[in-house]
Structures are given as structure tokens and as C-alpha cells.
Amino acid sequence: MSRLSLALKVAIGVLMVDSIIELSFVSSMVAWLHRTASKGFNFNFDGSTYFLAGEPSNVMVDQGHTSNGAAGTAFVLIGLGGILALSLRYWSRNMSGGPGTFSRFIYYFWVSVNVPAFLLTTGALAYVFAVTNAHEGQTIDTGLAAGLNGDKYPLDTWAPQNWFTAVLQLDLVGARDDIQSHLRVMRGWQYNLIPMFIIQLGVTVLALWEFVDWRKQARVPVYGEK
């Protein structure tokens, strides 16, 4: 096994680990939003205690879906797909005819999807940070929230990270530690996109580089060539 092939396999393994972390963080956030945060919170204001709905009227969740999609693609298509494609390439090195052609096709396909998969991660990184930063610093109008009688907060548009940062600025009755803990999880999947982007960039470059190197050594025609 060449050093280039070894580096590619190690990079794929690291990417799979990081993408699993990303998927776990996003899944944890979604579960908490539905099971706990959706029940709402109590806060003190002007000598009385009021109820605040757990989510505002205008909450954006697309950034979570986008990150989840990028991580899932990295794990399944690039990670598991890479293991399969490289294994088939190895097993087909002395094969000809149908099985060999099919195995090499799977490998060629895997190499080709590395670029769009990397672009998906790049888009997720840019989108998540753009949305979160655009709504940074928003605050909840405490007087308005106190008069909602449990209805969802109607002002502004919120990313989950921004909303719960604002909620923590209220005089909460309990739940503060729980919100802080899950806010760290939300920040975790947001900032984990940075190492995932870097690792996947490495995998993409190594996959293309190793493909060129393998073609030179094997001198196997590209699928469809004669």
C-alpha cells in the first residue's frame, strides 16, 4: 500500500468520525427542541412569573437540516462509499469482464462525487454562519413576552442559537443550566463544520490525487474507454 493510499484511508476514517459527531450534535439539538424546549420556560418580570413558549413564531431550522445533510453525505457517500469503492478496486485488480468493469465503475463514481459532496459541506458552512451571524445580538422584549399568555414570541426571525442566547438574558425560573448545556451543543455542531470542511477538503484532494496515481500504475482504461 502506498503512502498516498494510506493517507486517503486515514482521512476517510477521520471524516467519518467527525461527521458522526456532527450528526450526533444536530440530533441531540432536535430531540431537545421537541421534547424539552417545546414545553416552554418560566421567567420573572416586574414581580410576577410568566410563561414563555419554547420556540418563537419565526424560527429558522434550515441550517440544521443543511448541516445534517452535509454530515450524512460525508459519512454515507464519502465514508462508507469510499470503503466500498476502494475495496472493490482492490478485489478487481486482476479481474476482467463484467465484475471487474462494475467494480471500477463504482470506484470512478465514488471519486467523481467527492467534489459535489465537498461543495455541499462548503455551502452548509457558509450558510450556517451567515444566518447565525445575521441575527446575532437580537433580544427578547420582556414586556411583550410577559403579555403573550403562552403564545409564541412574534417579533424578529431567529436561529435556534440566537433564540436561546436571548432566552438566557431573561430572569429564568430554573432551566438555565439545561439551556446553557444545549446551547453549547448547538454551537458545537455549528463550529464543527469548520474541521469537517477542512477534513473533507483533504479527502477530496487525496481521492483525486490517488486516482491519478492509481491510473498511472494500473494503466486501466476509464470506464467506457477501449
C-alpha atoms as a PDB file:
ATOM      1  CA  MET A   1       0.000   0.000   0.000  1.00  0.00           C
ATOM      2  CA  SER A   2       1.423   3.374  -0.994  1.00  0.00           C
ATOM      3  CA  ARG A   3       1.651   6.276   1.436  1.00  0.00           C
ATOM      4  CA  LEU A   4      -0.884   8.149  -0.664  1.00  0.00           C
ATOM      5  CA  SER A   5      -3.421   5.338  -0.389  1.00  0.00           C
ATOM      6  CA  LEU A   6      -2.805   5.052   3.343  1.00  0.00           C
ATOM      7  CA  ALA A   7      -3.257   8.808   3.793  1.00  0.00           C
ATOM      8  CA  LEU A   8      -6.557   8.658   1.892  1.00  0.00           C
ATOM      9  CA  LYS A   9      -7.877   5.813   4.033  1.00  0.00           C
ATOM     10  CA  VAL A  10      -6.879   7.571   7.247  1.00  0.00           C
ATOM     11  CA  ALA A  11      -8.512  10.799   6.058  1.00  0.00           C
ATOM     12  CA  ILE A  12     -11.733   8.928   5.227  1.00  0.00           C
ATOM     13  CA  GLY A  13     -11.747   7.431   8.726  1.00  0.00           C
ATOM     14  CA  VAL A  14     -11.251  10.827  10.356  1.00  0.00           C
ATOM     15  CA  LEU A  15     -14.017  12.320   8.200  1.00  0.00           C
ATOM     16  CA  MET A  16     -16.408   9.553   9.244  1.00  0.00           C
ATOM     17  CA  VAL A  17     -15.686  10.206  12.922  1.00  0.00           C
ATOM     18  CA  ASP A  18     -16.183  13.951  12.548  1.00  0.00           C
ATOM     19  CA  SER A  19     -19.373  13.572  10.531  1.00  0.00           C
ATOM     20  CA  ILE A  20     -20.793  11.216  13.190  1.00  0.00           C
ATOM     21  CA  ILE A  21     -20.050  13.894  15.797  1.00  0.00           C
ATOM     22  CA  GLU A  22     -21.887  16.443  13.639  1.00  0.00           C
ATOM     23  CA  LEU A  23     -24.888  14.148  13.191  1.00  0.00           C
ATOM     24  CA  SER A  24     -24.976  13.423  16.921  1.00  0.00           C
ATOM     25  CA  PHE A  25     -24.918  17.118  17.850  1.00  0.00           C
ATOM     26  CA  VAL A  26     -27.700  18.011  15.427  1.00  0.00           C
ATOM     27  CA  SER A  27     -29.816  15.023  16.514  1.00  0.00           C
ATOM     28  CA  SER A  28     -29.331  15.971  20.170  1.00  0.00           C
ATOM     29  CA  MET A  29     -30.471  19.518  19.463  1.00  0.00           C
ATOM     30  CA  VAL A  30     -33.557  18.390  17.543  1.00  0.00           C
ATOM     31  CA  ALA A  31     -34.538  15.911  20.272  1.00  0.00           C
ATOM     32  CA  TRP A  32     -34.185  18.558  22.979  1.00  0.00           C
ATOM     33  CA  LEU A  33     -36.178  21.118  20.998  1.00  0.00           C
ATOM     34  CA  HIS A  34     -39.080  18.696  20.587  1.00  0.00           C
ATOM     35  CA  ARG A  35     -39.045  17.007  23.996  1.00  0.00           C
ATOM     36  CA  THR A  36     -37.988  19.772  26.393  1.00  0.00           C
ATOM     37  CA  ALA A  37     -37.745  23.247  24.872  1.00  0.00           C
ATOM     38  CA  SER A  38     -41.161  22.922  23.228  1.00  0.00           C
ATOM     39  CA  LYS A  39     -42.729  22.848  26.711  1.00  0.00           C
ATOM     40  CA  GLY A  40     -41.616  26.440  27.300  1.00  0.00           C
ATOM     41  CA  PHE A  41     -39.965  28.285  30.171  1.00  0.00           C
ATOM     42  CA  ASN A  42     -40.990  30.433  33.113  1.00  0.00           C
ATOM     43  CA  PHE A  43     -39.393  33.800  33.805  1.00  0.00           C
ATOM     44  CA  ASN A  44     -39.746  36.582  36.338  1.00  0.00           C
ATOM     45  CA  PHE A  45     -40.629  40.109  35.325  1.00  0.00           C
ATOM     46  CA  ASP A  46     -41.832  43.091  37.342  1.00  0.00           C
ATOM     47  CA  GLY A  47     -42.553  40.989  40.437  1.00  0.00           C
ATOM     48  CA  SER A  48     -44.542  38.266  38.678  1.00  0.00           C
ATOM     49  CA  THR A  49     -43.790  34.981  36.906  1.00  0.00           C
ATOM     50  CA  TYR A  50     -44.736  34.485  33.259  1.00  0.00           C
ATOM     51  CA  PHE A  51     -44.620  31.684  30.725  1.00  0.00           C
ATOM     52  CA  LEU A  52     -42.597  31.904  27.521  1.00  0.00           C
ATOM     53  CA  ALA A  53     -43.206  29.493  24.645  1.00  0.00           C
ATOM     54  CA  GLY A  54     -40.108  27.417  23.919  1.00  0.00           C
ATOM     55  CA  GLU A  55     -39.878  28.480  20.284  1.00  0.00           C
ATOM     56  CA  PRO A  56     -40.659  31.840  18.634  1.00  0.00           C
ATOM     57  CA  SER A  57     -43.140  32.203  15.793  1.00  0.00           C
ATOM     58  CA  ASN A  58     -40.381  32.705  13.241  1.00  0.00           C
ATOM     59  CA  VAL A  59     -37.658  30.155  13.876  1.00  0.00           C
ATOM     60  CA  MET A  60     -35.278  29.026  11.134  1.00  0.00           C
ATOM     61  CA  VAL A  61     -34.291  25.374  11.083  1.00  0.00           C
ATOM     62  CA  ASP A  62     -32.925  25.052   7.547  1.00  0.00           C
ATOM     63  CA  GLN A  63     -29.347  25.477   8.730  1.00  0.00           C
ATOM     64  CA  GLY A  64     -29.704  22.389  10.918  1.00  0.00           C
ATOM     65  CA  HIS A  65     -31.148  20.393   8.030  1.00  0.00           C
ATOM     66  CA  THR A  66     -28.345  21.572   5.742  1.00  0.00           C
ATOM     67  CA  SER A  67     -25.643  20.623   8.240  1.00  0.00           C
ATOM     68  CA  ASN A  68     -27.303  17.266   8.829  1.00  0.00           C
ATOM     69  CA  GLY A  69     -27.420  16.630   5.082  1.00  0.00           C
ATOM     70  CA  ALA A  70     -23.765  17.547   4.622  1.00  0.00           C
ATOM     71  CA  ALA A  71     -22.674  15.321   7.507  1.00  0.00           C
ATOM     72  CA  GLY A  72     -24.846  12.436   6.342  1.00  0.00           C
ATOM     73  CA  THR A  73     -23.452  12.719   2.828  1.00  0.00           C
ATOM     74  CA  ALA A  74     -19.895  12.782   4.169  1.00  0.00           C
ATOM     75  CA  PHE A  75     -20.459   9.700   6.319  1.00  0.00           C
ATOM     76  CA  VAL A  76     -22.509   7.544   3.948  1.00  0.00           C
ATOM     77  CA  LEU A  77     -21.445   8.558   0.447  1.00  0.00           C
ATOM     78  CA  ILE A  78     -17.821   9.526   1.041  1.00  0.00           C
ATOM     79  CA  GLY A  79     -17.049   7.410   4.110  1.00  0.00           C
ATOM     80  CA  LEU A  80     -18.921   4.130   3.668  1.00  0.00           C
ATOM     81  CA  GLY A  81     -18.954   4.607  -0.099  1.00  0.00           C
ATOM     82  CA  GLY A  82     -15.208   5.125  -0.076  1.00  0.00           C
ATOM     83  CA  ILE A  83     -14.592   1.942   1.882  1.00  0.00           C
ATOM     84  CA  LEU A  84     -16.739   0.011  -0.590  1.00  0.00           C
ATOM     85  CA  ALA A  85     -15.223   1.647  -3.684  1.00  0.00           C
ATOM     86  CA  LEU A  86     -11.615   1.148  -2.592  1.00  0.00           C
ATOM     87  CA  SER A  87     -12.325  -2.457  -1.544  1.00  0.00           C
ATOM     88  CA  LEU A  88     -13.930  -3.229  -4.905  1.00  0.00           C
ATOM     89  CA  ARG A  89     -10.997  -1.624  -6.699  1.00  0.00           C
ATOM     90  CA  TYR A  90      -8.575  -3.823  -4.761  1.00  0.00           C
ATOM     91  CA  TRP A  91     -10.563  -7.019  -5.356  1.00  0.00           C
ATOM     92  CA  SER A  92     -10.951  -6.261  -9.078  1.00  0.00           C
ATOM     93  CA  ARG A  93      -7.263  -5.606  -9.769  1.00  0.00           C
ATOM     94  CA  ASN A  94      -6.895  -8.968 -11.519  1.00  0.00           C
ATOM     95  CA  MET A  95     -10.456  -9.210 -12.794  1.00  0.00           C
ATOM     96  CA  SER A  96     -11.712  -8.611 -16.301  1.00  0.00           C
ATOM     97  CA  GLY A  97     -15.137  -8.616 -17.883  1.00  0.00           C
ATOM     98  CA  GLY A  98     -18.344  -7.809 -16.036  1.00  0.00           C
ATOM     99  CA  PRO A  99     -17.269  -7.981 -12.360  1.00  0.00           C
ATOM    100  CA  GLY A 100     -14.083  -6.001 -12.960  1.00  0.00           C
ATOM    101  CA  THR A 101     -15.840  -3.375 -15.050  1.00  0.00           C
ATOM    102  CA  PHE A 102     -18.608  -2.953 -12.470  1.00  0.00           C
ATOM    103  CA  SER A 103     -16.120  -2.636  -9.607  1.00  0.00           C
ATOM    104  CA  ARG A 104     -14.128   0.003 -11.417  1.00  0.00           C
ATOM    105  CA  PHE A 105     -17.313   1.880 -12.313  1.00  0.00           C
ATOM    106  CA  ILE A 106     -18.241   2.066  -8.624  1.00  0.00           C
ATOM    107  CA  TYR A 107     -14.773   3.400  -7.857  1.00  0.00           C
ATOM    108  CA  TYR A 108     -14.918   6.002 -10.654  1.00  0.00           C
ATOM    109  CA  PHE A 109     -18.350   7.085  -9.469  1.00  0.00           C
ATOM    110  CA  TRP A 110     -17.126   7.498  -5.897  1.00  0.00           C
ATOM    111  CA  VAL A 111     -14.177   9.611  -6.994  1.00  0.00           C
ATOM    112  CA  SER A 112     -16.484  11.844  -9.047  1.00  0.00           C
ATOM    113  CA  VAL A 113     -18.968  12.504  -6.214  1.00  0.00           C
ATOM    114  CA  ASN A 114     -16.252  13.728  -3.853  1.00  0.00           C
ATOM    115  CA  VAL A 115     -16.346  17.193  -5.420  1.00  0.00           C
ATOM    116  CA  PRO A 116     -20.130  17.826  -5.147  1.00  0.00           C
ATOM    117  CA  ALA A 117     -20.122  16.359  -1.633  1.00  0.00           C
ATOM    118  CA  PHE A 118     -17.366  18.783  -0.652  1.00  0.00           C
ATOM    119  CA  LEU A 119     -19.289  21.667  -2.214  1.00  0.00           C
ATOM    120  CA  LEU A 120     -22.318  20.675  -0.113  1.00  0.00           C
ATOM    121  CA  THR A 121     -20.231  20.921   3.055  1.00  0.00           C
ATOM    122  CA  THR A 122     -18.817  24.244   1.886  1.00  0.00           C
ATOM    123  CA  GLY A 123     -22.318  25.569   1.282  1.00  0.00           C
ATOM    124  CA  ALA A 124     -23.514  24.330   4.677  1.00  0.00           C
ATOM    125  CA  LEU A 125     -20.597  26.047   6.425  1.00  0.00           C
ATOM    126  CA  ALA A 126     -21.205  29.362   4.660  1.00  0.00           C
ATOM    127  CA  TYR A 127     -24.988  29.244   5.101  1.00  0.00           C
ATOM    128  CA  VAL A 128     -24.997  28.361   8.810  1.00  0.00           C
ATOM    129  CA  PHE A 129     -22.551  31.096   9.762  1.00  0.00           C
ATOM    130  CA  ALA A 130     -24.240  33.658   7.523  1.00  0.00           C
ATOM    131  CA  VAL A 131     -27.672  33.024   9.045  1.00  0.00           C
ATOM    132  CA  THR A 132     -26.443  32.884  12.642  1.00  0.00           C
ATOM    133  CA  ASN A 133     -24.295  35.997  12.348  1.00  0.00           C
ATOM    134  CA  ALA A 134     -27.076  37.924  10.618  1.00  0.00           C
ATOM    135  CA  HIS A 135     -29.311  37.532  13.713  1.00  0.00           C
ATOM    136  CA  GLU A 136     -26.642  37.877  16.371  1.00  0.00           C
ATOM    137  CA  GLY A 137     -27.408  40.276  19.205  1.00  0.00           C
ATOM    138  CA  GLN A 138     -31.204  40.049  18.994  1.00  0.00           C
ATOM    139  CA  THR A 139     -33.038  40.369  22.299  1.00  0.00           C
ATOM    140  CA  ILE A 140     -36.483  39.496  23.592  1.00  0.00           C
ATOM    141  CA  ASP A 141     -38.838  42.339  24.516  1.00  0.00           C
ATOM    142  CA  THR A 142     -39.578  41.254  28.088  1.00  0.00           C
ATOM    143  CA  GLY A 143     -42.713  43.343  28.438  1.00  0.00           C
ATOM    144  CA  LEU A 144     -44.174  41.940  25.246  1.00  0.00           C
ATOM    145  CA  ALA A 145     -43.213  38.365  26.209  1.00  0.00           C
ATOM    146  CA  ALA A 146     -44.935  38.782  29.576  1.00  0.00           C
ATOM    147  CA  GLY A 147     -48.215  39.668  27.873  1.00  0.00           C
ATOM    148  CA  LEU A 148     -48.298  36.807  25.376  1.00  0.00           C
ATOM    149  CA  ASN A 149     -50.036  34.354  27.738  1.00  0.00           C
ATOM    150  CA  GLY A 150     -48.076  31.434  26.347  1.00  0.00           C
ATOM    151  CA  ASP A 151     -48.333  32.405  22.670  1.00  0.00           C
ATOM    152  CA  LYS A 152     -45.160  32.233  20.616  1.00  0.00           C
ATOM    153  CA  TYR A 153     -42.953  35.298  20.566  1.00  0.00           C
ATOM    154  CA  PRO A 154     -43.901  37.129  17.319  1.00  0.00           C
ATOM    155  CA  LEU A 155     -41.058  39.585  16.715  1.00  0.00           C
ATOM    156  CA  ASP A 156     -37.999  39.018  14.527  1.00  0.00           C
ATOM    157  CA  THR A 157     -36.695  35.868  12.867  1.00  0.00           C
ATOM    158  CA  TRP A 158     -34.480  33.592  14.923  1.00  0.00           C
ATOM    159  CA  ALA A 159     -31.901  30.866  14.539  1.00  0.00           C
ATOM    160  CA  PRO A 160     -32.014  28.419  17.474  1.00  0.00           C
ATOM    161  CA  GLN A 161     -28.604  29.608  18.723  1.00  0.00           C
ATOM    162  CA  ASN A 162     -29.737  33.252  18.752  1.00  0.00           C
ATOM    163  CA  TRP A 163     -33.110  32.495  20.328  1.00  0.00           C
ATOM    164  CA  PHE A 164     -31.748  30.595  23.310  1.00  0.00           C
ATOM    165  CA  THR A 165     -28.973  33.118  23.804  1.00  0.00           C
ATOM    166  CA  ALA A 166     -31.718  35.727  24.145  1.00  0.00           C
ATOM    167  CA  VAL A 167     -33.780  33.471  26.429  1.00  0.00           C
ATOM    168  CA  LEU A 168     -30.803  33.223  28.800  1.00  0.00           C
ATOM    169  CA  GLN A 169     -30.911  37.014  29.214  1.00  0.00           C
ATOM    170  CA  LEU A 170     -34.311  36.697  30.919  1.00  0.00           C
ATOM    171  CA  ASP A 171     -34.712  36.138  34.668  1.00  0.00           C
ATOM    172  CA  LEU A 172     -35.490  32.465  34.228  1.00  0.00           C
ATOM    173  CA  VAL A 173     -37.107  30.262  36.854  1.00  0.00           C
ATOM    174  CA  GLY A 174     -34.929  27.161  36.574  1.00  0.00           C
ATOM    175  CA  ALA A 175     -33.901  25.608  33.252  1.00  0.00           C
ATOM    176  CA  ARG A 176     -30.893  27.924  32.876  1.00  0.00           C
ATOM    177  CA  ASP A 177     -28.306  25.149  33.202  1.00  0.00           C
ATOM    178  CA  ASP A 178     -30.212  22.937  30.761  1.00  0.00           C
ATOM    179  CA  ILE A 179     -30.451  25.722  28.174  1.00  0.00           C
ATOM    180  CA  GLN A 180     -26.764  26.583  28.545  1.00  0.00           C
ATOM    181  CA  SER A 181     -25.808  22.943  28.098  1.00  0.00           C
ATOM    182  CA  HIS A 182     -27.805  22.525  24.906  1.00  0.00           C
ATOM    183  CA  LEU A 183     -26.735  25.905  23.605  1.00  0.00           C
ATOM    184  CA  ARG A 184     -23.169  24.583  23.763  1.00  0.00           C
ATOM    185  CA  VAL A 185     -24.327  21.609  21.686  1.00  0.00           C
ATOM    186  CA  MET A 186     -25.821  23.994  19.116  1.00  0.00           C
ATOM    187  CA  ARG A 187     -22.597  25.960  18.976  1.00  0.00           C
ATOM    188  CA  GLY A 188     -20.796  22.636  18.772  1.00  0.00           C
ATOM    189  CA  TRP A 189     -22.425  21.481  15.521  1.00  0.00           C
ATOM    190  CA  GLN A 190     -22.093  24.982  14.082  1.00  0.00           C
ATOM    191  CA  TYR A 191     -18.342  25.225  14.699  1.00  0.00           C
ATOM    192  CA  ASN A 192     -17.720  21.549  13.964  1.00  0.00           C
ATOM    193  CA  LEU A 193     -18.498  22.390  10.343  1.00  0.00           C
ATOM    194  CA  ILE A 194     -15.083  24.087  10.171  1.00  0.00           C
ATOM    195  CA  PRO A 195     -12.977  20.953  10.844  1.00  0.00           C
ATOM    196  CA  MET A 196     -15.401  18.893   8.746  1.00  0.00           C
ATOM    197  CA  PHE A 197     -14.804  21.300   5.841  1.00  0.00           C
ATOM    198  CA  ILE A 198     -11.017  21.055   6.259  1.00  0.00           C
ATOM    199  CA  ILE A 199     -11.001  17.267   6.576  1.00  0.00           C
ATOM    200  CA  GLN A 200     -13.304  16.807   3.600  1.00  0.00           C
ATOM    201  CA  LEU A 201     -11.133  19.124   1.542  1.00  0.00           C
ATOM    202  CA  GLY A 202      -8.219  16.833   2.365  1.00  0.00           C
ATOM    203  CA  VAL A 203     -10.218  13.722   1.443  1.00  0.00           C
ATOM    204  CA  THR A 204     -11.281  15.253  -1.884  1.00  0.00           C
ATOM    205  CA  VAL A 205      -7.743  16.274  -2.825  1.00  0.00           C
ATOM    206  CA  LEU A 206      -6.321  12.906  -1.759  1.00  0.00           C
ATOM    207  CA  ALA A 207      -9.043  10.976  -3.609  1.00  0.00           C
ATOM    208  CA  LEU A 208      -8.323  12.797  -6.871  1.00  0.00           C
ATOM    209  CA  TRP A 209      -4.559  12.620  -6.395  1.00  0.00           C
ATOM    210  CA  GLU A 210      -4.648   8.931  -5.536  1.00  0.00           C
ATOM    211  CA  PHE A 211      -6.933   8.257  -8.506  1.00  0.00           C
ATOM    212  CA  VAL A 212      -4.425   9.815 -10.894  1.00  0.00           C
ATOM    213  CA  ASP A 213      -1.600   7.860  -9.260  1.00  0.00           C
ATOM    214  CA  TRP A 214      -3.555   4.596  -9.460  1.00  0.00           C
ATOM    215  CA  ARG A 215      -4.389   5.178 -13.121  1.00  0.00           C
ATOM    216  CA  LYS A 216      -0.722   5.666 -13.929  1.00  0.00           C
ATOM    217  CA  GLN A 217       0.278   2.478 -12.143  1.00  0.00           C
ATOM    218  CA  ALA A 218      -2.620   0.251 -13.174  1.00  0.00           C
ATOM    219  CA  ARG A 219      -2.967   1.623 -16.705  1.00  0.00           C
ATOM    220  CA  VAL A 220      -6.589   0.639 -16.616  1.00  0.00           C
ATOM    221  CA  PRO A 221      -8.839   2.409 -19.134  1.00  0.00           C
ATOM    222  CA  VAL A 222     -11.529   4.707 -17.733  1.00  0.00           C
ATOM    223  CA  TYR A 223     -14.956   3.118 -17.733  1.00  0.00           C
ATOM    224  CA  GLY A 224     -16.284   3.159 -21.265  1.00  0.00           C
ATOM    225  CA  GLU A 225     -12.871   3.517 -22.921  1.00  0.00           C
ATOM    226  CA  LYS A 226     -11.485   0.883 -25.248  1.00  0.00           C
END
